Amino acid sequence: MKTTHSIHEYIEKNELRRNVRWRIQGGKWFFEMFPGFWQHEQSFDRFFPKYDFIRFNDKGLNPDKTRIV
């Protein structure tokens, strides 16, 4: 899973992941990376990772100076 601070990137990448074409051939699942180029399902997360949105904290990553994160 990858993280992003951009709402646009979060929506775009997760929609791209949802709209990938799949097919079954010989009892195994394959997804289409490029037109006419099919990959086995085991490599799906490597090429189309799921994105998680984390709101950007403009005050810094550790706003509580009394605690070390």
N, C-alpha and C. Protein backbone atom coordinates (compact mmCIF):
# COMPACT_ATOMS: atom_id res chain seq x y z
N MET A 1 0.85 -1.17 0.00
CA MET A 1 0.00 0.00 0.00
C MET A 1 0.90 1.24 0.00
N LYS A 2 0.53 2.20 -0.81
CA LYS A 2 1.26 3.47 -0.87
C LYS A 2 0.39 4.55 -0.24
N THR A 3 1.04 5.61 0.23
CA THR A 3 0.32 6.73 0.82
C THR A 3 0.53 7.97 -0.04
N THR A 4 -0.45 8.85 0.00
CA THR A 4 -0.38 10.10 -0.74
C THR A 4 -1.06 11.21 0.06
N HIS A 5 -0.64 12.43 -0.20
CA HIS A 5 -1.26 13.60 0.42
C HIS A 5 -2.19 14.30 -0.56
N SER A 6 -2.26 13.82 -1.78
CA SER A 6 -3.07 14.44 -2.83
C SER A 6 -4.38 13.68 -3.02
N ILE A 7 -5.50 14.36 -2.88
CA ILE A 7 -6.80 13.74 -3.09
C ILE A 7 -6.94 13.31 -4.54
N HIS A 8 -6.44 14.14 -5.45
CA HIS A 8 -6.51 13.84 -6.88
C HIS A 8 -5.76 12.53 -7.20
N GLU A 9 -4.57 12.40 -6.68
CA GLU A 9 -3.78 11.19 -6.94
C GLU A 9 -4.44 9.97 -6.30
N TYR A 10 -4.97 10.13 -5.10
CA TYR A 10 -5.65 9.04 -4.40
C TYR A 10 -6.82 8.50 -5.23
N ILE A 11 -7.67 9.40 -5.73
CA ILE A 11 -8.83 8.99 -6.52
C ILE A 11 -8.39 8.40 -7.85
N GLU A 12 -7.46 9.06 -8.53
CA GLU A 12 -7.00 8.61 -9.84
C GLU A 12 -6.37 7.21 -9.78
N LYS A 13 -5.47 6.98 -8.84
CA LYS A 13 -4.77 5.69 -8.77
C LYS A 13 -5.70 4.56 -8.33
N ASN A 14 -6.61 4.83 -7.38
CA ASN A 14 -7.53 3.77 -6.95
C ASN A 14 -8.57 3.46 -8.02
N GLU A 15 -8.99 4.45 -8.80
CA GLU A 15 -9.90 4.18 -9.91
C GLU A 15 -9.21 3.38 -11.01
N LEU A 16 -7.96 3.69 -11.27
CA LEU A 16 -7.19 2.93 -12.25
C LEU A 16 -7.09 1.47 -11.82
N ARG A 17 -6.88 1.25 -10.54
CA ARG A 17 -6.79 -0.11 -9.99
C ARG A 17 -8.12 -0.85 -10.12
N ARG A 18 -9.23 -0.16 -9.88
CA ARG A 18 -10.55 -0.79 -9.96
C ARG A 18 -10.97 -1.13 -11.37
N ASN A 19 -10.47 -0.41 -12.35
CA ASN A 19 -10.91 -0.57 -13.73
C ASN A 19 -10.00 -1.45 -14.59
N VAL A 20 -9.13 -2.21 -13.96
CA VAL A 20 -8.24 -3.10 -14.70
C VAL A 20 -9.05 -4.28 -15.24
N ARG A 21 -8.75 -4.67 -16.50
CA ARG A 21 -9.44 -5.81 -17.12
C ARG A 21 -8.81 -7.11 -16.66
N TRP A 22 -9.65 -8.10 -16.36
CA TRP A 22 -9.21 -9.42 -15.91
C TRP A 22 -9.72 -10.49 -16.85
N ARG A 23 -9.02 -11.62 -16.87
CA ARG A 23 -9.50 -12.79 -17.61
C ARG A 23 -8.96 -14.05 -16.93
N ILE A 24 -9.67 -15.15 -17.17
CA ILE A 24 -9.24 -16.45 -16.67
C ILE A 24 -8.75 -17.26 -17.86
N GLN A 25 -7.55 -17.78 -17.75
CA GLN A 25 -6.99 -18.61 -18.81
C GLN A 25 -6.31 -19.81 -18.17
N GLY A 26 -6.79 -20.98 -18.49
CA GLY A 26 -6.22 -22.20 -17.91
C GLY A 26 -6.46 -22.30 -16.41
N GLY A 27 -7.56 -21.73 -15.94
CA GLY A 27 -7.87 -21.78 -14.51
C GLY A 27 -7.11 -20.77 -13.66
N LYS A 28 -6.36 -19.86 -14.28
CA LYS A 28 -5.59 -18.85 -13.55
C LYS A 28 -6.05 -17.46 -13.97
N TRP A 29 -5.97 -16.52 -13.02
CA TRP A 29 -6.38 -15.14 -13.27
C TRP A 29 -5.22 -14.34 -13.85
N PHE A 30 -5.53 -13.51 -14.85
CA PHE A 30 -4.56 -12.60 -15.46
C PHE A 30 -5.19 -11.22 -15.59
N PHE A 31 -4.37 -10.19 -15.44
CA PHE A 31 -4.85 -8.82 -15.63
C PHE A 31 -4.09 -8.18 -16.78
N GLU A 32 -4.73 -7.22 -17.42
CA GLU A 32 -4.13 -6.55 -18.58
C GLU A 32 -3.38 -5.31 -18.13
N MET A 33 -2.05 -5.34 -18.29
CA MET A 33 -1.22 -4.19 -17.94
C MET A 33 -1.30 -3.13 -19.01
N PHE A 34 -1.07 -3.55 -20.24
CA PHE A 34 -1.14 -2.70 -21.42
C PHE A 34 -2.00 -3.43 -22.43
N PRO A 35 -2.53 -2.75 -23.42
CA PRO A 35 -3.34 -3.46 -24.42
C PRO A 35 -2.58 -4.65 -25.03
N GLY A 36 -3.12 -5.84 -24.81
CA GLY A 36 -2.51 -7.05 -25.35
C GLY A 36 -1.43 -7.68 -24.50
N PHE A 37 -1.09 -7.07 -23.35
CA PHE A 37 -0.03 -7.58 -22.47
C PHE A 37 -0.65 -8.00 -21.15
N TRP A 38 -0.68 -9.30 -20.88
CA TRP A 38 -1.34 -9.85 -19.69
C TRP A 38 -0.32 -10.35 -18.69
N GLN A 39 -0.59 -10.11 -17.42
CA GLN A 39 0.27 -10.55 -16.32
C GLN A 39 -0.52 -11.43 -15.36
N HIS A 40 0.19 -12.30 -14.65
CA HIS A 40 -0.45 -13.17 -13.66
C HIS A 40 -0.89 -12.34 -12.45
N GLU A 41 -1.92 -12.81 -11.75
CA GLU A 41 -2.50 -12.06 -10.64
C GLU A 41 -1.52 -11.82 -9.49
N GLN A 42 -0.47 -12.63 -9.37
CA GLN A 42 0.48 -12.46 -8.26
C GLN A 42 1.22 -11.12 -8.33
N SER A 43 1.38 -10.56 -9.51
CA SER A 43 2.10 -9.29 -9.64
C SER A 43 1.17 -8.08 -9.68
N PHE A 44 -0.11 -8.27 -9.44
CA PHE A 44 -1.08 -7.16 -9.53
C PHE A 44 -0.78 -6.03 -8.55
N ASP A 45 -0.54 -6.35 -7.28
CA ASP A 45 -0.29 -5.31 -6.27
C ASP A 45 1.02 -4.55 -6.52
N ARG A 46 1.94 -5.17 -7.20
CA ARG A 46 3.20 -4.48 -7.50
C ARG A 46 3.00 -3.41 -8.57
N PHE A 47 2.17 -3.69 -9.57
CA PHE A 47 1.95 -2.74 -10.66
C PHE A 47 0.80 -1.77 -10.39
N PHE A 48 -0.19 -2.19 -9.61
CA PHE A 48 -1.34 -1.34 -9.27
C PHE A 48 -1.53 -1.35 -7.76
N PRO A 49 -0.66 -0.67 -7.00
CA PRO A 49 -0.79 -0.69 -5.54
C PRO A 49 -2.02 0.10 -5.09
N LYS A 50 -2.55 -0.28 -3.96
CA LYS A 50 -3.67 0.44 -3.37
C LYS A 50 -3.11 1.69 -2.68
N TYR A 51 -3.79 2.81 -2.86
CA TYR A 51 -3.34 4.07 -2.27
C TYR A 51 -4.18 4.43 -1.06
N ASP A 52 -3.52 5.01 -0.07
CA ASP A 52 -4.18 5.46 1.15
C ASP A 52 -3.95 6.96 1.26
N PHE A 53 -5.01 7.70 1.59
CA PHE A 53 -4.92 9.17 1.69
C PHE A 53 -4.63 9.55 3.13
N ILE A 54 -3.59 10.35 3.33
CA ILE A 54 -3.26 10.90 4.64
C ILE A 54 -3.21 12.41 4.47
N ARG A 55 -4.04 13.10 5.23
CA ARG A 55 -4.09 14.56 5.14
C ARG A 55 -2.73 15.14 5.52
N PHE A 56 -2.27 16.09 4.71
CA PHE A 56 -0.97 16.73 4.95
C PHE A 56 -1.05 17.59 6.21
N ASN A 57 -0.09 17.41 7.08
CA ASN A 57 -0.01 18.18 8.31
C ASN A 57 1.00 19.30 8.10
N ASP A 58 0.52 20.52 7.88
CA ASP A 58 1.42 21.63 7.59
C ASP A 58 2.20 22.11 8.82
N LYS A 59 1.87 21.59 10.00
CA LYS A 59 2.60 21.97 11.21
C LYS A 59 3.80 21.06 11.45
N GLY A 60 3.96 20.05 10.63
CA GLY A 60 5.08 19.12 10.78
C GLY A 60 4.57 17.74 11.15
N LEU A 61 5.45 16.79 11.11
CA LEU A 61 5.05 15.42 11.39
C LEU A 61 4.88 15.15 12.87
N ASN A 62 5.52 15.93 13.74
CA ASN A 62 5.43 15.71 15.18
C ASN A 62 5.07 17.03 15.87
N PRO A 63 3.78 17.41 15.85
CA PRO A 63 3.39 18.69 16.46
C PRO A 63 3.48 18.67 17.98
N ASP A 64 3.46 17.47 18.61
CA ASP A 64 3.55 17.37 20.06
C ASP A 64 5.01 17.22 20.44
N LYS A 65 5.64 18.30 20.89
CA LYS A 65 7.08 18.30 21.16
C LYS A 65 7.44 17.54 22.44
N THR A 66 6.45 17.18 23.24
CA THR A 66 6.73 16.47 24.48
C THR A 66 6.88 14.96 24.28
N ARG A 67 6.53 14.49 23.10
CA ARG A 67 6.55 13.06 22.81
C ARG A 67 7.35 12.79 21.55
N ILE A 68 8.16 11.76 21.57
CA ILE A 68 8.92 11.37 20.39
C ILE A 68 8.14 10.28 19.68
N VAL A 69 7.93 10.48 18.38
CA VAL A 69 7.17 9.50 17.60
C VAL A 69 8.11 8.61 16.83
